[in-house]
Amino acid sequence: MTPRGKVLVVDDEPNILKTLKIGLEAIGFSVDGFSNPVEALEQLTPDAYDIAFIDLMMQPIDGMQVLRELRQRSPSTTAVMVTAHGSIDSAVEAIKNGAFDFIQKPFDLKELQLFAGKILDHHALRHEVRELRRQLASARSESDIVTRNVLMRRQIELARQVADSPLSVLIEGESGTGKELLALFIHGESGRREKPFVKVNCAALAENLLESELFGHVKGAFTGAVKEREGRFESAAGGTVFLDEVGEIPQSTQVKLLRFLQNREFERVGENVVRKVDVRILAATNRKLSESLEEGSFREDLYYRLNAVRITLPPLRERPEDILLLIHYFAKKYSPKAEPEIAPEALKILTAHRWPGNIRELQNVMERSVLLARGGPIEPAHLPAELLEPRPSGPAGMLSLEETERQHIARVLAVAADLEAAARVLAIDPATLWRKRKKYGL
């Protein structure tokens, strides 16, 4: 059974310590009690406890010193002072120094339990407000999807239309095209906007860690599992989980993810207890999962569960009308006082570049250039060396016939419902389109 919360109790009177532990554990809290305040501080780590009950009068250090250390080491823990009748003034001083409230000795169990419930409600509200502020700050700094591209606008509109539905969304696109930004946009437009947005990079975690990261584990489930931990799905309860690079999930974990998508049920690693949680799944991949199906590395049933709605983001080289727009957007973003001038020679280099790293590459280049320009105009010398190397291509603005065909096929595939629909638009046989996709790596 999951505890209501983790509580630290520090009191050098054995009877008070015992009473606090019994009373709090009886209503579902997990309690660590210490009679020696120095030992308590030695065990204190960030975010280890939701609530701390601290006696004011202790030896060898008093409660005020413990409170100061708690504020430094675990500022998210809600502190409550335990005080005798004659030290109310000290308790008030403790509140000024960061404690939330105090409880006065002697107290009975019922009074303690009601008081603890109110403290937990306050703590949960504080946590939710902090999380919401963090998300709003992130949204304000990164929420603008800057585009004039018709195809990109269609994809954004599709995202807006499905944002408030429970459907899973699969976002496809090359690295740096803004898949996470679009996922944040969908979350922000949904009714879940005030709940957590939790990202999991499936490619960054080893196979044996990914399952624990998603579903959590119990103490002793594997080497290094020294304490119970909830997974990302639980921490995102009521909100959205964004599975980035979902194509990298190993097949053993794919089975458990499929079960979760079907029933919203899961088990923590090392536990047989079935848990349920309400979260919306958004997934992203920088390669077409349909190819992974052909290779057998991705489950077909999971693919169709994730692919209730598919949104494909075009690479920046297929959005030439957006390049200049983004150059000025990032120049202003990284120089908020006054947008720097861009020398014509530098602008020519920036607009001619193919941007294989897409928007992320352009953003990094502009941040670097603004910094090096130090308030002056951005010159070619401020650009990375790879942008200054001559391109092995034809006249400026001209593309080969093959490149033109590749880009046109990519645009059609991005909006078509399936391969056959794309073939009808292109007026070619589906088998021919399949071969061209393989040829161009689409």
Protein backbone atom coordinates (compact mmCIF):
# COMPACT_ATOMS: atom_id res chain seq x y z
CA MET A 1 0.00 0.00 0.00
CA THR A 2 1.40 3.39 -1.00
CA PRO A 3 1.90 5.71 2.01
CA ARG A 4 0.03 9.02 2.14
CA GLY A 5 3.36 10.76 2.49
CA LYS A 6 6.83 10.58 4.04
CA VAL A 7 7.21 12.24 7.45
CA LEU A 8 10.30 13.09 9.49
CA VAL A 9 9.86 13.38 13.27
CA VAL A 10 12.64 14.84 15.43
CA ASP A 11 11.99 14.96 19.20
CA ASP A 12 14.32 14.06 22.07
CA GLU A 13 11.44 13.08 24.36
CA PRO A 14 10.86 9.31 23.80
CA ASN A 15 7.14 9.43 24.71
CA ILE A 16 6.39 12.33 22.35
CA LEU A 17 8.40 10.67 19.59
CA LYS A 18 6.48 7.42 20.06
CA THR A 19 3.11 9.20 20.14
CA LEU A 20 3.86 11.09 16.93
CA LYS A 21 4.99 7.91 15.13
CA ILE A 22 1.98 5.85 16.22
CA GLY A 23 -0.53 8.58 15.44
CA LEU A 24 0.87 9.35 11.99
CA GLU A 25 1.43 5.74 10.92
CA ALA A 26 -2.15 4.91 11.97
CA ILE A 27 -3.48 7.22 9.24
CA GLY A 28 -1.16 5.95 6.49
CA PHE A 29 2.01 8.02 6.73
CA SER A 30 5.49 6.52 6.44
CA VAL A 31 7.43 7.90 9.43
CA ASP A 32 11.14 8.12 10.25
CA GLY A 33 11.69 9.13 13.88
CA PHE A 34 14.87 10.43 15.51
CA SER A 35 15.52 11.37 19.11
CA ASN A 36 18.92 12.83 18.22
CA PRO A 37 18.63 15.89 15.92
CA VAL A 38 22.19 15.48 14.65
CA GLU A 39 21.41 11.95 13.43
CA ALA A 40 18.25 13.24 11.76
CA LEU A 41 20.22 15.84 9.81
CA GLU A 42 22.73 13.21 8.72
CA GLN A 43 19.86 11.30 7.04
CA LEU A 44 18.31 14.35 5.43
CA THR A 45 18.38 14.49 1.63
CA PRO A 46 16.50 16.77 -0.83
CA ASP A 47 12.82 15.87 -1.26
CA ALA A 48 13.12 12.81 1.02
CA TYR A 49 10.22 13.99 3.20
CA ASP A 50 6.92 15.70 2.58
CA ILE A 51 6.47 16.91 6.17
CA ALA A 52 8.84 17.33 9.12
CA PHE A 53 7.70 17.59 12.77
CA ILE A 54 10.54 19.26 14.72
CA ASP A 55 10.65 19.80 18.46
CA LEU A 56 11.80 23.29 19.42
CA MET A 57 13.70 22.43 22.61
CA MET A 58 16.33 19.73 22.01
CA GLN A 59 19.95 18.87 22.67
CA PRO A 60 22.68 19.04 21.43
CA ILE A 61 21.12 21.42 18.87
CA ASP A 62 17.71 23.03 19.09
CA GLY A 63 14.78 22.97 16.69
CA MET A 64 15.57 26.36 15.17
CA GLN A 65 18.94 25.04 13.99
CA VAL A 66 17.31 21.92 12.59
CA LEU A 67 14.77 24.13 10.78
CA ARG A 68 17.52 26.24 9.20
CA GLU A 69 19.30 23.11 7.95
CA LEU A 70 16.04 21.70 6.63
CA ARG A 71 15.34 24.87 4.63
CA GLN A 72 18.80 24.60 3.08
CA ARG A 73 18.86 20.87 2.36
CA SER A 74 15.21 20.15 1.50
CA PRO A 75 13.30 23.40 0.85
CA SER A 76 10.26 21.55 -0.52
CA THR A 77 9.62 19.82 2.83
CA THR A 78 6.83 21.43 4.87
CA ALA A 79 8.10 22.07 8.42
CA VAL A 80 5.92 21.94 11.55
CA MET A 81 7.26 22.88 14.99
CA VAL A 82 6.34 20.92 18.13
CA THR A 83 6.30 23.28 21.09
CA ALA A 84 5.53 23.34 24.80
CA HIS A 85 3.15 25.88 26.33
CA GLY A 86 5.90 28.23 27.47
CA SER A 87 7.60 28.59 24.08
CA ILE A 88 4.86 30.01 21.84
CA ASP A 89 7.00 33.06 21.05
CA SER A 90 9.75 30.80 19.75
CA ALA A 91 7.23 28.91 17.60
CA VAL A 92 6.07 32.20 16.04
CA GLU A 93 9.70 33.07 15.35
CA ALA A 94 10.13 29.68 13.68
CA ILE A 95 7.19 30.44 11.37
CA LYS A 96 8.90 33.68 10.38
CA ASN A 97 11.97 31.57 9.54
CA GLY A 98 10.14 29.19 7.24
CA ALA A 99 8.04 26.79 9.33
CA PHE A 100 4.45 26.45 8.16
CA ASP A 101 2.74 25.94 11.53
CA PHE A 102 3.19 24.56 15.03
CA ILE A 103 1.42 22.08 17.28
CA GLN A 104 1.44 22.54 21.02
CA LYS A 105 2.12 19.83 23.60
CA PRO A 106 0.25 18.08 25.08
CA PHE A 107 -1.99 16.88 22.21
CA ASP A 108 -4.16 13.79 21.71
CA LEU A 109 -3.99 11.40 18.77
CA LYS A 110 -7.16 12.63 17.09
CA GLU A 111 -5.99 16.24 17.21
CA LEU A 112 -2.61 15.21 15.76
CA GLN A 113 -4.19 13.22 12.94
CA LEU A 114 -6.58 15.99 11.89
CA PHE A 115 -3.72 18.50 12.03
CA ALA A 116 -1.44 16.26 9.95
CA GLY A 117 -4.16 15.85 7.29
CA LYS A 118 -4.45 19.61 6.90
CA ILE A 119 -0.67 19.96 6.68
CA LEU A 120 -0.53 17.29 3.95
CA ASP A 121 -3.25 19.10 1.96
CA HIS A 122 -1.23 22.30 2.18
CA HIS A 123 1.96 20.51 1.14
CA ALA A 124 0.25 18.91 -1.87
CA LEU A 125 -1.13 22.29 -2.96
CA ARG A 126 2.31 23.91 -2.69
CA HIS A 127 3.81 21.11 -4.79
CA GLU A 128 1.13 21.49 -7.47
CA VAL A 129 1.60 25.27 -7.61
CA ARG A 130 5.38 24.88 -7.99
CA GLU A 131 4.92 22.36 -10.78
CA LEU A 132 2.36 24.55 -12.55
CA ARG A 133 4.63 27.60 -12.33
CA ARG A 134 7.52 25.57 -13.76
CA GLN A 135 5.38 24.43 -16.67
CA LEU A 136 4.01 27.91 -17.33
CA ALA A 137 7.53 29.37 -17.30
CA SER A 138 8.61 26.72 -19.78
CA ALA A 139 5.56 27.31 -21.93
CA ARG A 140 6.07 31.09 -21.96
CA SER A 141 9.68 30.72 -23.06
CA GLU A 142 9.14 28.01 -25.68
CA SER A 143 5.49 27.91 -26.67
CA ASP A 144 5.66 30.01 -29.87
CA ILE A 145 5.71 27.78 -32.94
CA VAL A 146 7.12 30.16 -35.50
CA THR A 147 6.02 29.31 -39.04
CA ARG A 148 4.53 30.64 -42.25
CA ASN A 149 4.71 27.23 -43.94
CA VAL A 150 1.30 25.97 -45.11
CA LEU A 151 2.03 22.32 -44.32
CA MET A 152 3.32 23.20 -40.85
CA ARG A 153 0.20 25.27 -40.16
CA ARG A 154 -1.99 22.34 -41.14
CA GLN A 155 -0.14 20.11 -38.69
CA ILE A 156 -0.52 22.68 -35.90
CA GLU A 157 -4.24 22.95 -36.62
CA LEU A 158 -4.57 19.16 -36.50
CA ALA A 159 -2.75 19.21 -33.14
CA ARG A 160 -5.17 21.86 -31.88
CA GLN A 161 -8.20 19.81 -32.99
CA VAL A 162 -7.12 16.64 -31.17
CA ALA A 163 -5.58 18.37 -28.12
CA ASP A 164 -8.59 17.96 -25.86
CA SER A 165 -9.32 14.36 -26.85
CA PRO A 166 -8.02 11.25 -25.03
CA LEU A 167 -6.42 9.93 -28.25
CA SER A 168 -2.73 9.04 -28.31
CA VAL A 169 -0.73 11.13 -30.78
CA LEU A 170 2.37 10.00 -32.68
CA ILE A 171 4.60 12.90 -33.78
CA GLU A 172 7.08 12.05 -36.54
CA GLY A 173 9.93 14.23 -37.70
CA GLU A 174 13.68 14.53 -37.94
CA SER A 175 15.70 15.53 -34.89
CA GLY A 176 15.35 19.23 -34.17
CA THR A 177 12.05 19.79 -35.99
CA GLY A 178 10.15 20.68 -32.80
CA LYS A 179 8.43 17.45 -31.76
CA GLU A 180 8.66 18.20 -28.05
CA LEU A 181 7.47 21.77 -28.67
CA LEU A 182 4.40 20.43 -30.46
CA ALA A 183 3.76 17.96 -27.63
CA LEU A 184 3.86 20.86 -25.16
CA PHE A 185 1.45 22.75 -27.41
CA ILE A 186 -1.00 19.81 -27.39
CA HIS A 187 -0.74 19.52 -23.59
CA GLY A 188 -1.25 23.27 -23.19
CA GLU A 189 -4.35 23.25 -25.39
CA SER A 190 -5.90 20.31 -23.54
CA GLY A 191 -7.98 20.08 -20.38
CA ARG A 192 -4.91 18.55 -18.72
CA ARG A 193 -2.92 21.77 -18.99
CA GLU A 194 -2.84 22.33 -15.21
CA LYS A 195 -1.53 18.82 -14.55
CA PRO A 196 2.05 17.60 -15.08
CA PHE A 197 3.74 17.26 -18.47
CA VAL A 198 6.33 14.52 -18.01
CA LYS A 199 8.94 13.72 -20.66
CA VAL A 200 10.74 10.38 -21.00
CA ASN A 201 13.60 10.04 -23.48
CA CYS A 202 13.34 6.35 -24.36
CA ALA A 203 16.68 6.33 -26.19
CA ALA A 204 18.63 7.72 -23.22
CA LEU A 205 17.84 4.87 -20.82
CA ALA A 206 19.23 1.34 -20.76
CA GLU A 207 16.69 -1.46 -21.30
CA ASN A 208 16.79 -2.55 -17.65
CA LEU A 209 16.16 1.04 -16.45
CA LEU A 210 13.43 2.15 -18.86
CA GLU A 211 10.74 -0.12 -17.38
CA SER A 212 11.52 1.16 -13.88
CA GLU A 213 11.51 4.76 -15.14
CA LEU A 214 8.07 4.34 -16.68
CA PHE A 215 6.35 2.14 -14.11
CA GLY A 216 8.41 2.57 -10.93
CA HIS A 217 9.88 -0.12 -8.69
CA VAL A 218 9.77 -1.43 -5.16
CA LYS A 219 12.71 -1.61 -2.77
CA GLY A 220 14.99 -4.52 -3.63
CA ALA A 221 13.50 -5.08 -7.10
CA PHE A 222 17.01 -5.01 -8.60
CA THR A 223 20.55 -4.04 -7.68
CA GLY A 224 20.56 -0.39 -6.68
CA ALA A 225 16.84 -0.23 -5.86
CA VAL A 226 17.44 0.95 -2.30
CA LYS A 227 14.00 2.47 -1.87
CA GLU A 228 10.54 2.42 -3.40
CA ARG A 229 10.05 4.81 -6.33
CA GLU A 230 7.02 5.80 -8.36
CA GLY A 231 7.39 5.85 -12.15
CA ARG A 232 6.75 8.61 -14.62
CA PHE A 233 3.18 7.48 -15.29
CA GLU A 234 2.28 7.87 -11.62
CA SER A 235 4.03 11.22 -11.30
CA ALA A 236 2.08 12.47 -14.33
CA ALA A 237 -1.32 11.45 -12.91
CA GLY A 238 -4.06 13.47 -14.59
CA GLY A 239 -1.58 14.97 -17.04
CA THR A 240 0.46 13.99 -20.09
CA VAL A 241 3.41 11.64 -20.63
CA PHE A 242 5.60 12.43 -23.65
CA LEU A 243 7.56 9.39 -24.86
CA ASP A 244 10.40 10.80 -26.96
CA GLU A 245 12.18 8.42 -29.38
CA VAL A 246 9.49 5.81 -28.75
CA GLY A 247 10.91 3.62 -31.51
CA GLU A 248 13.86 2.79 -29.22
CA ILE A 249 11.71 1.03 -26.60
CA PRO A 250 12.84 -2.64 -26.28
CA GLN A 251 10.24 -5.29 -27.08
CA SER A 252 10.04 -6.52 -23.47
CA THR A 253 8.88 -3.06 -22.39
CA GLN A 254 6.66 -2.66 -25.48
CA VAL A 255 4.42 -5.45 -24.14
CA LYS A 256 3.90 -3.63 -20.83
CA LEU A 257 3.35 -0.29 -22.55
CA LEU A 258 0.69 -1.90 -24.75
CA ARG A 259 -1.11 -3.23 -21.66
CA PHE A 260 -1.04 0.24 -20.16
CA LEU A 261 -2.46 1.84 -23.31
CA GLN A 262 -5.25 -0.75 -23.43
CA ASN A 263 -6.31 -0.73 -19.76
CA ARG A 264 -4.35 2.09 -18.06
CA GLU A 265 -2.98 -0.67 -15.78
CA PHE A 266 0.61 -1.43 -14.79
CA GLU A 267 2.73 -3.03 -12.10
CA ARG A 268 5.86 -1.60 -10.56
CA VAL A 269 9.03 -3.62 -11.14
CA GLY A 270 9.28 -6.28 -8.43
CA GLU A 271 5.64 -5.97 -7.39
CA ASN A 272 2.46 -7.91 -8.20
CA VAL A 273 0.05 -5.10 -7.31
CA VAL A 274 -1.98 -3.84 -10.29
CA ARG A 275 -2.17 -0.04 -10.34
CA LYS A 276 -4.22 2.34 -12.46
CA VAL A 277 -3.51 5.92 -13.47
CA ASP A 278 -5.12 8.41 -15.83
CA VAL A 279 -2.58 9.94 -18.21
CA ARG A 280 -2.61 10.94 -21.88
CA ILE A 281 0.20 9.51 -24.05
CA LEU A 282 2.02 11.55 -26.68
CA ALA A 283 4.89 9.84 -28.51
CA ALA A 284 7.57 11.03 -30.91
CA THR A 285 10.07 9.40 -33.22
CA ASN A 286 12.71 10.68 -35.64
CA ARG A 287 12.22 7.69 -37.92
CA LYS A 288 9.12 6.14 -39.48
CA LEU A 289 7.83 3.40 -37.21
CA SER A 290 6.24 1.73 -40.22
CA GLU A 291 9.78 0.68 -41.23
CA SER A 292 10.39 -0.73 -37.76
CA LEU A 293 7.25 -2.83 -38.24
CA GLU A 294 8.70 -4.28 -41.43
CA GLU A 295 11.95 -5.04 -39.60
CA GLY A 296 10.05 -6.67 -36.74
CA SER A 297 11.61 -4.45 -34.08
CA PHE A 298 8.34 -2.73 -33.15
CA ARG A 299 5.03 -4.38 -32.27
CA GLU A 300 2.24 -3.79 -34.76
CA ASP A 301 -0.49 -3.68 -32.07
CA LEU A 302 1.46 -1.08 -30.08
CA TYR A 303 2.07 0.97 -33.22
CA TYR A 304 -1.66 1.24 -33.92
CA ARG A 305 -2.38 2.13 -30.29
CA LEU A 306 0.16 4.98 -30.39
CA ASN A 307 -0.80 6.03 -33.89
CA ALA A 308 -4.43 7.02 -33.19
CA VAL A 309 -3.44 10.41 -34.62
CA ARG A 310 -0.23 10.91 -36.59
CA ILE A 311 1.38 14.31 -37.06
CA THR A 312 4.45 14.64 -39.28
CA LEU A 313 6.66 17.71 -38.96
CA PRO A 314 8.55 18.70 -42.11
CA PRO A 315 12.30 19.38 -41.87
CA LEU A 316 13.44 22.99 -42.05
CA ARG A 317 14.89 22.54 -45.56
CA GLU A 318 11.29 21.98 -46.74
CA ARG A 319 10.16 25.19 -45.03
CA PRO A 320 12.37 27.76 -46.81
CA GLU A 321 9.88 30.55 -46.10
CA ASP A 322 10.45 29.98 -42.36
CA ILE A 323 14.25 30.23 -42.31
CA LEU A 324 14.45 34.03 -42.42
CA LEU A 325 11.56 34.29 -39.97
CA LEU A 326 13.34 32.01 -37.48
CA ILE A 327 16.67 33.80 -37.91
CA HIS A 328 15.10 37.08 -36.75
CA TYR A 329 13.03 35.36 -34.06
CA PHE A 330 16.10 33.84 -32.40
CA ALA A 331 18.20 36.97 -32.90
CA LYS A 332 15.59 38.92 -30.91
CA LYS A 333 15.18 36.14 -28.33
CA TYR A 334 18.89 36.08 -27.46
CA SER A 335 19.27 39.85 -27.54
CA PRO A 336 16.08 41.09 -25.82
CA LYS A 337 17.18 44.70 -25.41
CA ALA A 338 17.59 45.34 -29.13
CA GLU A 339 17.58 42.91 -32.02
CA PRO A 340 21.08 42.93 -33.57
CA GLU A 341 21.62 43.75 -37.21
CA ILE A 342 22.67 40.91 -39.50
CA ALA A 343 25.21 41.79 -42.18
CA PRO A 344 23.98 40.95 -45.73
CA GLU A 345 26.87 38.52 -46.24
CA ALA A 346 25.98 36.66 -43.01
CA LEU A 347 22.29 36.61 -43.90
CA LYS A 348 23.09 35.13 -47.31
CA ILE A 349 25.08 32.33 -45.65
CA LEU A 350 22.35 31.63 -43.09
CA THR A 351 19.53 31.45 -45.66
CA ALA A 352 21.55 29.26 -48.05
CA HIS A 353 22.40 26.64 -45.41
CA ARG A 354 20.39 23.38 -45.60
CA TRP A 355 20.10 23.06 -41.77
CA PRO A 356 20.45 19.28 -41.38
CA GLY A 357 19.94 19.78 -37.62
CA ASN A 358 16.74 21.70 -38.35
CA ILE A 359 15.38 24.36 -35.97
CA ARG A 360 17.58 23.21 -33.08
CA GLU A 361 20.71 23.78 -35.19
CA LEU A 362 19.51 27.22 -36.33
CA GLN A 363 18.67 28.18 -32.74
CA ASN A 364 22.13 27.16 -31.51
CA VAL A 365 23.84 29.06 -34.35
CA MET A 366 21.88 32.24 -33.60
CA GLU A 367 22.52 32.04 -29.85
CA ARG A 368 26.25 31.65 -30.52
CA SER A 369 26.31 34.45 -33.11
CA VAL A 370 24.49 36.95 -30.89
CA LEU A 371 26.91 36.19 -28.06
CA LEU A 372 30.00 36.62 -30.23
CA ALA A 373 28.68 39.81 -31.86
CA ARG A 374 28.49 41.46 -28.40
CA GLY A 375 25.71 43.85 -29.36
CA GLY A 376 27.14 44.70 -32.78
CA PRO A 377 26.04 43.40 -36.18
CA ILE A 378 26.32 39.66 -36.83
CA GLU A 379 29.09 39.15 -39.38
CA PRO A 380 30.21 35.97 -41.23
CA ALA A 381 33.10 35.69 -38.75
CA HIS A 382 30.56 35.08 -35.97
CA LEU A 383 29.09 32.03 -37.74
CA PRO A 384 30.31 28.43 -37.23
CA ALA A 385 32.96 27.21 -39.65
CA GLU A 386 30.70 24.54 -41.16
CA LEU A 387 28.35 27.23 -42.46
CA LEU A 388 31.23 29.03 -44.22
CA GLU A 389 32.36 25.98 -46.21
CA PRO A 390 31.19 26.07 -49.83
CA ARG A 391 28.25 23.81 -50.64
CA PRO A 392 28.74 21.17 -53.34
CA SER A 393 25.63 22.22 -55.27
CA GLY A 394 24.44 24.08 -58.33
CA PRO A 395 23.59 27.78 -58.63
CA ALA A 396 22.11 29.46 -55.56
CA GLY A 397 18.46 28.54 -55.06
CA MET A 398 18.58 25.75 -57.68
CA LEU A 399 17.89 22.10 -56.80
CA SER A 400 18.60 18.95 -58.77
CA LEU A 401 15.67 17.05 -60.30
CA GLU A 402 16.16 14.25 -57.75
CA GLU A 403 16.10 16.68 -54.80
CA THR A 404 12.97 18.38 -56.14
CA GLU A 405 11.24 15.00 -56.49
CA ARG A 406 12.35 13.92 -53.02
CA GLN A 407 10.98 17.09 -51.40
CA HIS A 408 7.68 16.85 -53.26
CA ILE A 409 7.16 13.21 -52.26
CA ALA A 410 8.04 14.08 -48.64
CA ARG A 411 5.38 16.82 -48.57
CA VAL A 412 2.70 14.51 -49.94
CA LEU A 413 3.60 11.67 -47.55
CA ALA A 414 3.37 14.09 -44.62
CA VAL A 415 -0.31 14.86 -45.22
CA ALA A 416 -1.59 11.66 -46.90
CA ALA A 417 -3.50 9.14 -44.79
CA ASP A 418 -1.40 6.20 -46.04
CA LEU A 419 0.89 5.04 -48.84
CA GLU A 420 -1.95 4.31 -51.28
CA ALA A 421 -3.49 7.75 -50.78
CA ALA A 422 -0.09 9.38 -51.39
CA ALA A 423 0.37 7.31 -54.55
CA ARG A 424 -3.01 8.50 -55.88
CA VAL A 425 -2.04 12.16 -55.29
CA LEU A 426 1.31 11.61 -57.03
CA ALA A 427 -0.37 9.61 -59.85
CA ILE A 428 2.09 6.72 -59.56
CA ASP A 429 1.80 3.06 -58.60
CA PRO A 430 2.07 2.35 -54.82
CA ALA A 431 4.94 -0.06 -55.51
CA THR A 432 6.81 2.71 -57.34
CA LEU A 433 6.21 5.09 -54.44
CA TRP A 434 7.45 2.45 -51.99
CA ARG A 435 10.73 2.13 -53.97
CA LYS A 436 11.17 5.91 -54.13
CA ARG A 437 10.62 6.17 -50.37
CA LYS A 438 13.38 3.63 -49.82
CA LYS A 439 15.63 5.41 -52.31
CA TYR A 440 15.23 8.84 -50.69
CA GLY A 441 15.12 7.60 -47.09
CA LEU A 442 11.62 8.95 -46.48
